[in-house]
Amino acid sequence: MAAALAAEPTAKAMFDILTCQNRYAVLYRIDAAKRVYTHIPSDLTRTALHRLGDQLEALG
């Protein structure tokens, strides 16, 4: 996760401004995936976090 965030400064910036509860929720859901195929590959994680950052930025 740290490598994916480091590769995408916008995603890292958005992750950094999340409340501790929201950060925990994101990390918990990634960690709680029980099957290998439910874990998000790092490329997709990076892309999803980048899109999340864009969406949150658009909200203001």
C-alpha atoms as a PDB file:
ATOM      1  CA  MET A   1       0.000   0.000   0.000  1.00  0.00           C
ATOM      2  CA  ALA A   2       2.808   2.398   0.883  1.00  0.00           C
ATOM      3  CA  ALA A   3       4.510   1.772  -2.464  1.00  0.00           C
ATOM      4  CA  ALA A   4       1.249   2.346  -4.349  1.00  0.00           C
ATOM      5  CA  LEU A   5       0.649   5.603  -2.487  1.00  0.00           C
ATOM      6  CA  ALA A   6       4.244   6.735  -3.007  1.00  0.00           C
ATOM      7  CA  ALA A   7       3.861   6.183  -6.746  1.00  0.00           C
ATOM      8  CA  GLU A   8       0.770   8.416  -6.901  1.00  0.00           C
ATOM      9  CA  PRO A   9       1.263  11.746  -5.099  1.00  0.00           C
ATOM     10  CA  THR A  10      -2.374  12.771  -5.599  1.00  0.00           C
ATOM     11  CA  ALA A  11      -3.649   9.537  -4.080  1.00  0.00           C
ATOM     12  CA  LYS A  12      -1.192   9.894  -1.190  1.00  0.00           C
ATOM     13  CA  ALA A  13      -2.351  13.438  -0.543  1.00  0.00           C
ATOM     14  CA  MET A  14      -5.975  12.332  -0.443  1.00  0.00           C
ATOM     15  CA  PHE A  15      -5.177   9.335   1.763  1.00  0.00           C
ATOM     16  CA  ASP A  16      -3.268  11.642   4.129  1.00  0.00           C
ATOM     17  CA  ILE A  17      -6.281  13.910   4.649  1.00  0.00           C
ATOM     18  CA  LEU A  18      -8.671  11.051   5.469  1.00  0.00           C
ATOM     19  CA  THR A  19      -9.689  10.815   9.094  1.00  0.00           C
ATOM     20  CA  CYS A  20      -8.061   8.008  11.045  1.00  0.00           C
ATOM     21  CA  GLN A  21     -11.373   6.131  11.004  1.00  0.00           C
ATOM     22  CA  ASN A  22     -11.582   6.302   7.201  1.00  0.00           C
ATOM     23  CA  ARG A  23      -7.921   5.291   6.774  1.00  0.00           C
ATOM     24  CA  TYR A  24      -8.541   2.341   9.072  1.00  0.00           C
ATOM     25  CA  ALA A  25     -11.639   1.370   7.078  1.00  0.00           C
ATOM     26  CA  VAL A  26      -9.707   1.375   3.797  1.00  0.00           C
ATOM     27  CA  LEU A  27      -6.802  -0.625   5.218  1.00  0.00           C
ATOM     28  CA  TYR A  28      -9.110  -3.021   7.065  1.00  0.00           C
ATOM     29  CA  ARG A  29     -11.077  -3.845   3.939  1.00  0.00           C
ATOM     30  CA  ILE A  30      -7.934  -4.507   1.932  1.00  0.00           C
ATOM     31  CA  ASP A  31      -6.487  -6.670   4.698  1.00  0.00           C
ATOM     32  CA  ALA A  32      -9.772  -8.478   5.383  1.00  0.00           C
ATOM     33  CA  ALA A  33     -10.075  -9.850   1.858  1.00  0.00           C
ATOM     34  CA  LYS A  34      -9.950 -13.599   2.529  1.00  0.00           C
ATOM     35  CA  ARG A  35      -9.381 -14.938  -0.961  1.00  0.00           C
ATOM     36  CA  VAL A  36      -6.328 -14.185  -3.056  1.00  0.00           C
ATOM     37  CA  TYR A  37      -8.460 -13.084  -5.992  1.00  0.00           C
ATOM     38  CA  THR A  38     -10.304 -10.559  -3.810  1.00  0.00           C
ATOM     39  CA  HIS A  39      -7.099  -8.715  -2.957  1.00  0.00           C
ATOM     40  CA  ILE A  40      -6.660  -5.726  -5.221  1.00  0.00           C
ATOM     41  CA  PRO A  41      -3.456  -5.868  -7.278  1.00  0.00           C
ATOM     42  CA  SER A  42      -1.186  -2.881  -6.660  1.00  0.00           C
ATOM     43  CA  ASP A  43      -1.807  -1.401 -10.152  1.00  0.00           C
ATOM     44  CA  LEU A  44      -5.538  -1.380  -9.529  1.00  0.00           C
ATOM     45  CA  THR A  45      -5.070  -0.035  -6.009  1.00  0.00           C
ATOM     46  CA  ARG A  46      -3.012   2.827  -7.371  1.00  0.00           C
ATOM     47  CA  THR A  47      -5.576   3.553 -10.077  1.00  0.00           C
ATOM     48  CA  ALA A  48      -8.505   3.353  -7.645  1.00  0.00           C
ATOM     49  CA  LEU A  49      -6.827   5.654  -5.141  1.00  0.00           C
ATOM     50  CA  HIS A  50      -5.997   8.105  -7.912  1.00  0.00           C
ATOM     51  CA  ARG A  51      -9.632   8.128  -9.059  1.00  0.00           C
ATOM     52  CA  LEU A  52     -10.797   8.527  -5.458  1.00  0.00           C
ATOM     53  CA  GLY A  53      -8.513  11.532  -5.148  1.00  0.00           C
ATOM     54  CA  ASP A  54      -9.946  13.037  -8.337  1.00  0.00           C
ATOM     55  CA  GLN A  55     -13.504  12.503  -7.125  1.00  0.00           C
ATOM     56  CA  LEU A  56     -12.837  14.014  -3.710  1.00  0.00           C
ATOM     57  CA  GLU A  57     -11.023  16.952  -5.297  1.00  0.00           C
ATOM     58  CA  ALA A  58     -14.025  17.581  -7.547  1.00  0.00           C
ATOM     59  CA  LEU A  59     -16.305  17.713  -4.504  1.00  0.00           C
ATOM     60  CA  GLY A  60     -14.409  20.642  -3.168  1.00  0.00           C
END
